[in-house]
Amino acid sequence: MPKLIKWSQGNIKLPDRIIHMSLPSGYTCPSALACLTKANANTGKITDGKDQEYRCYASMQEARHSGLRNLRWHNFKILKPLSSKDMFKTLKVSLQKLHDDYIINHDQRPIVRAHIGGDFFNEDYFLAWVKLAKSFEPTWFYSYTKRLDLWVKHIKNIPLNFELNASKGGKQDHLISDFNLKCAQVVYSIEEAELKGLKIDHDDGLAYRRGTDFAQLIHGCQPKGSKASKALIALRKESGWTGYNKDTKKMS
């Protein structure tokens, strides 16, 4: 039996119906640019990417919470050396009981998210998730990703129950328009979202449902004096925005 990776259910932002797993942010995000941030595995010390425009929220979680950081590294260390076939087996065995228990207890299927932190770090891993979604049909799967090269390469093989969202701000952003990929974009104000004709997603509802491009308001701890930090201060003053927390739904 393979070693089990660790899954979680819901959080402050996500409904309890969403089951998710994560990997270390930045270290498993080879296509990240605008949000590239890494929290040291041992100390949590932050390293910012050279092209960074805003810090990754998930990385800042890892910097603050050693338990969460250790959980994500635990998952990565198990998955990284495996073949795609064994990655799939590990993901499936680790998810199965939590998935089935949810159906028994709630009389409906859960929604499964790949990554709050991290991304598809290689092709074998991406294909393992594609196979995982197929094996749990009709349970709904979704993910944000900057690995648009893998999405496009395997676009005909992605099952209908796996909703991918292109996370804008990566090395392959040109593929978004080239292939008309559904896109999620971080904005610095409500007005910016309105000017771009984008609805703001507050609880991942626009991410896991079929639909069009959408926006997310800048959130998380940002470098002092940065454009992102100033935008957060302005949002707090103008609309009471304090990030994805228990008050988030008041802005929906």
Protein backbone atom coordinates (compact mmCIF):
# COMPACT_ATOMS: atom_id res chain seq x y z
CA MET A 1 0.00 0.00 0.00
CA PRO A 2 1.45 3.42 -0.93
CA LYS A 3 2.20 6.07 1.67
CA LEU A 4 -0.78 8.36 2.07
CA ILE A 5 -0.78 12.03 1.21
CA LYS A 6 -2.86 14.37 3.35
CA TRP A 7 -6.09 16.03 2.27
CA SER A 8 -8.11 18.77 3.96
CA GLN A 9 -11.76 19.76 3.88
CA GLY A 10 -13.02 23.33 3.55
CA ASN A 11 -11.36 26.34 5.20
CA ILE A 12 -12.20 29.99 5.91
CA LYS A 13 -12.71 30.68 2.21
CA LEU A 14 -13.88 27.32 0.89
CA PRO A 15 -17.17 25.55 1.65
CA ASP A 16 -16.91 22.31 3.66
CA ARG A 17 -18.00 20.45 0.55
CA ILE A 18 -14.58 21.08 -1.03
CA ILE A 19 -11.87 18.50 -0.36
CA HIS A 20 -8.40 19.70 -1.29
CA MET A 21 -4.71 18.88 -1.11
CA SER A 22 -1.67 21.11 -1.51
CA LEU A 23 2.05 21.14 -2.23
CA PRO A 24 4.76 23.65 -1.27
CA SER A 25 4.05 26.93 -3.06
CA GLY A 26 6.71 28.22 -5.44
CA TYR A 27 8.84 25.09 -5.29
CA THR A 28 6.20 23.22 -7.30
CA CYS A 29 5.23 26.17 -9.52
CA PRO A 30 7.68 26.14 -12.45
CA SER A 31 5.56 28.53 -14.56
CA ALA A 32 4.94 31.19 -11.88
CA LEU A 33 6.10 34.77 -12.38
CA ALA A 34 3.86 37.51 -10.96
CA CYS A 35 3.15 35.67 -7.69
CA LEU A 36 6.33 33.60 -7.28
CA THR A 37 7.02 33.30 -3.56
CA LYS A 38 8.75 30.57 -1.57
CA ALA A 39 8.68 29.83 2.16
CA ASN A 40 11.77 27.95 3.35
CA ALA A 41 10.85 24.37 4.24
CA ASN A 42 12.59 24.54 7.63
CA THR A 43 12.32 28.16 8.75
CA GLY A 44 9.41 29.56 6.73
CA LYS A 45 11.59 32.50 5.64
CA ILE A 46 10.17 34.12 2.49
CA THR A 47 12.04 34.48 -0.78
CA ASP A 48 10.41 36.66 -3.44
CA GLY A 49 10.72 35.94 -7.17
CA LYS A 50 12.61 38.47 -9.29
CA ASP A 51 9.53 39.20 -11.45
CA GLN A 52 7.10 39.13 -8.56
CA GLU A 53 4.26 41.69 -8.53
CA TYR A 54 2.43 40.34 -5.46
CA ARG A 55 3.11 37.63 -2.93
CA CYS A 56 1.43 34.25 -3.18
CA TYR A 57 -1.20 33.91 -0.45
CA ALA A 58 -0.50 30.20 -0.02
CA SER A 59 3.23 30.83 0.50
CA MET A 60 2.47 33.34 3.21
CA GLN A 61 0.30 30.70 4.90
CA GLU A 62 3.30 28.38 4.88
CA ALA A 63 5.55 31.10 6.30
CA ARG A 64 3.21 31.63 9.27
CA HIS A 65 2.12 28.06 10.02
CA SER A 66 4.78 25.36 10.37
CA GLY A 67 2.19 22.58 10.61
CA LEU A 68 0.65 23.51 7.29
CA ARG A 69 4.10 23.92 5.73
CA ASN A 70 5.13 20.47 6.93
CA LEU A 71 1.92 18.93 5.58
CA ARG A 72 2.56 20.32 2.09
CA TRP A 73 6.17 19.16 2.07
CA HIS A 74 5.01 15.74 3.29
CA ASN A 75 2.78 15.46 0.21
CA PHE A 76 5.49 16.63 -2.18
CA LYS A 77 8.14 14.29 -0.81
CA ILE A 78 5.82 11.33 -1.30
CA LEU A 79 4.68 12.25 -4.82
CA LYS A 80 7.82 13.70 -6.42
CA PRO A 81 9.82 10.46 -6.97
CA LEU A 82 6.86 8.42 -8.23
CA SER A 83 5.86 7.47 -11.74
CA SER A 84 2.60 8.89 -13.07
CA LYS A 85 0.94 5.52 -12.49
CA ASP A 86 2.06 5.43 -8.85
CA MET A 87 1.15 9.09 -8.32
CA PHE A 88 -2.37 8.25 -9.45
CA LYS A 89 -2.57 5.26 -7.11
CA THR A 90 -1.33 7.34 -4.18
CA LEU A 91 -3.79 10.17 -4.86
CA LYS A 92 -6.69 7.75 -5.29
CA VAL A 93 -6.03 5.65 -2.20
CA SER A 94 -5.49 8.79 -0.12
CA LEU A 95 -8.71 10.44 -1.31
CA GLN A 96 -11.07 7.45 -1.43
CA LYS A 97 -12.24 7.21 2.19
CA LEU A 98 -12.71 10.96 2.69
CA HIS A 99 -14.61 11.11 -0.60
CA ASP A 100 -16.87 8.14 0.20
CA ASP A 101 -17.51 9.24 3.78
CA TYR A 102 -18.67 12.63 2.54
CA ILE A 103 -21.22 11.01 0.23
CA ILE A 104 -22.52 8.81 3.07
CA ASN A 105 -22.77 11.70 5.53
CA HIS A 106 -24.18 14.37 3.18
CA ASP A 107 -26.05 12.42 0.51
CA GLN A 108 -24.17 14.29 -2.22
CA ARG A 109 -20.74 14.20 -3.78
CA PRO A 110 -17.94 16.47 -2.60
CA ILE A 111 -16.00 18.82 -4.88
CA VAL A 112 -12.27 18.08 -5.15
CA ARG A 113 -9.68 20.83 -5.62
CA ALA A 114 -6.10 20.26 -6.68
CA HIS A 115 -3.91 22.72 -4.78
CA ILE A 116 -4.44 25.72 -2.60
CA GLY A 117 -0.66 25.79 -2.52
CA GLY A 118 1.44 24.48 -5.39
CA ASP A 119 0.80 23.49 -9.00
CA PHE A 120 1.33 20.64 -11.46
CA PHE A 121 5.10 20.37 -11.07
CA ASN A 122 5.60 18.00 -14.01
CA GLU A 123 3.70 16.24 -16.77
CA ASP A 124 3.46 12.88 -14.98
CA TYR A 125 1.79 14.58 -12.04
CA PHE A 126 -0.66 16.47 -14.26
CA LEU A 127 -1.65 13.24 -16.01
CA ALA A 128 -2.12 11.53 -12.64
CA TRP A 129 -4.72 14.19 -11.76
CA VAL A 130 -6.44 13.79 -15.12
CA LYS A 131 -6.72 10.05 -14.47
CA LEU A 132 -7.85 10.70 -10.88
CA ALA A 133 -10.73 12.91 -12.05
CA LYS A 134 -11.80 10.27 -14.56
CA SER A 135 -11.74 7.55 -11.93
CA PHE A 136 -14.09 9.48 -9.63
CA GLU A 137 -16.65 10.57 -12.24
CA PRO A 138 -19.12 12.19 -11.82
CA THR A 139 -17.49 13.86 -8.77
CA TRP A 140 -16.47 17.38 -9.75
CA PHE A 141 -12.76 18.36 -9.78
CA TYR A 142 -11.16 21.75 -10.34
CA SER A 143 -7.87 23.60 -10.11
CA TYR A 144 -6.10 26.86 -10.80
CA THR A 145 -2.90 26.40 -12.79
CA LYS A 146 -0.12 28.23 -14.59
CA ARG A 147 0.94 25.01 -16.36
CA LEU A 148 -0.91 26.05 -19.46
CA ASP A 149 1.54 24.14 -21.62
CA LEU A 150 0.32 20.87 -20.08
CA TRP A 151 -3.32 21.91 -20.29
CA VAL A 152 -3.03 22.70 -23.99
CA LYS A 153 -0.95 19.62 -24.77
CA HIS A 154 -3.56 17.31 -23.22
CA ILE A 155 -6.66 19.42 -23.79
CA LYS A 156 -8.53 16.65 -25.61
CA ASN A 157 -7.88 14.21 -22.77
CA ILE A 158 -9.19 16.33 -19.89
CA PRO A 159 -12.50 14.88 -18.62
CA LEU A 160 -15.67 16.96 -18.45
CA ASN A 161 -15.69 16.77 -14.64
CA PHE A 162 -12.30 18.54 -14.34
CA GLU A 163 -12.64 22.34 -14.48
CA LEU A 164 -9.29 24.06 -15.06
CA ASN A 165 -8.71 27.79 -14.53
CA ALA A 166 -5.71 29.53 -16.07
CA SER A 167 -4.06 31.55 -13.31
CA LYS A 168 -2.88 34.69 -15.09
CA GLY A 169 0.60 35.92 -14.30
CA GLY A 170 2.75 33.02 -15.52
CA LYS A 171 5.27 32.19 -18.20
CA GLN A 172 2.67 30.94 -20.70
CA ASP A 173 -0.03 33.60 -20.50
CA HIS A 174 -0.10 33.89 -24.31
CA LEU A 175 -1.82 30.49 -24.42
CA ILE A 176 -4.86 31.93 -22.63
CA SER A 177 -5.96 33.93 -25.66
CA ASP A 178 -4.50 31.50 -28.19
CA PHE A 179 -6.71 28.66 -26.90
CA ASN A 180 -9.52 30.67 -25.25
CA LEU A 181 -8.77 29.23 -21.81
CA LYS A 182 -10.94 30.19 -18.84
CA CYS A 183 -8.85 32.62 -16.82
CA ALA A 184 -8.59 33.86 -13.23
CA GLN A 185 -6.90 37.22 -12.68
CA VAL A 186 -5.82 39.06 -9.52
CA VAL A 187 -7.03 42.68 -9.46
CA TYR A 188 -6.08 45.53 -7.14
CA SER A 189 -9.52 47.12 -6.86
CA ILE A 190 -13.22 46.54 -7.43
CA GLU A 191 -13.08 49.23 -10.11
CA GLU A 192 -10.34 47.36 -11.98
CA ALA A 193 -12.53 44.25 -12.09
CA GLU A 194 -15.48 46.31 -13.36
CA LEU A 195 -13.38 47.96 -16.07
CA LYS A 196 -12.24 44.54 -17.26
CA GLY A 197 -15.79 43.18 -17.14
CA LEU A 198 -14.91 40.54 -14.57
CA LYS A 199 -16.98 39.23 -11.67
CA ILE A 200 -15.09 38.88 -8.40
CA ASP A 201 -15.00 35.37 -6.93
CA HIS A 202 -15.24 35.29 -3.12
CA ASP A 203 -15.71 31.57 -2.40
CA ASP A 204 -14.34 29.67 -5.44
CA GLY A 205 -17.85 29.34 -6.87
CA LEU A 206 -16.74 30.89 -10.16
CA ALA A 207 -13.67 28.67 -10.20
CA TYR A 208 -15.32 25.28 -9.87
CA ARG A 209 -18.38 26.07 -11.98
CA ARG A 210 -18.45 26.24 -15.75
CA GLY A 211 -18.28 29.85 -16.84
CA THR A 212 -16.22 32.76 -18.09
CA ASP A 213 -13.13 34.60 -16.86
CA PHE A 214 -13.25 36.06 -13.37
CA ALA A 215 -11.23 38.11 -10.90
CA GLN A 216 -9.92 37.74 -7.37
CA LEU A 217 -9.11 40.73 -5.17
CA ILE A 218 -5.52 41.07 -4.02
CA HIS A 219 -5.13 39.39 -0.62
CA GLY A 220 -2.57 38.09 1.82
CA CYS A 221 0.47 39.76 3.35
CA GLN A 222 2.26 41.95 0.79
CA PRO A 223 5.70 43.65 0.90
CA LYS A 224 5.57 46.97 2.72
CA GLY A 225 5.34 49.92 0.33
CA SER A 226 4.61 47.75 -2.72
CA LYS A 227 1.81 48.50 -5.17
CA ALA A 228 0.01 45.40 -3.92
CA SER A 229 0.31 46.52 -0.30
CA LYS A 230 -1.01 50.00 -1.12
CA ALA A 231 -3.94 48.44 -2.97
CA LEU A 232 -4.82 46.34 0.09
CA ILE A 233 -4.79 49.43 2.30
CA ALA A 234 -7.06 51.28 -0.15
CA LEU A 235 -9.47 48.34 -0.35
CA ARG A 236 -9.65 48.14 3.42
CA LYS A 237 -10.51 51.83 3.69
CA GLU A 238 -12.95 51.94 0.79
CA SER A 239 -14.86 48.68 1.15
CA GLY A 240 -13.74 46.94 4.33
CA TRP A 241 -11.86 44.24 2.43
CA THR A 242 -9.64 42.29 4.80
CA GLY A 243 -8.92 39.27 2.62
CA TYR A 244 -10.49 35.82 2.49
CA ASN A 245 -11.87 35.40 5.99
CA LYS A 246 -15.18 35.01 7.81
CA ASP A 247 -16.33 38.47 6.61
CA THR A 248 -15.61 37.83 2.94
CA LYS A 249 -19.17 36.81 2.02
CA LYS A 250 -20.45 40.25 3.10
CA MET A 251 -18.84 41.64 -0.06
CA SER A 252 -20.37 39.06 -2.40
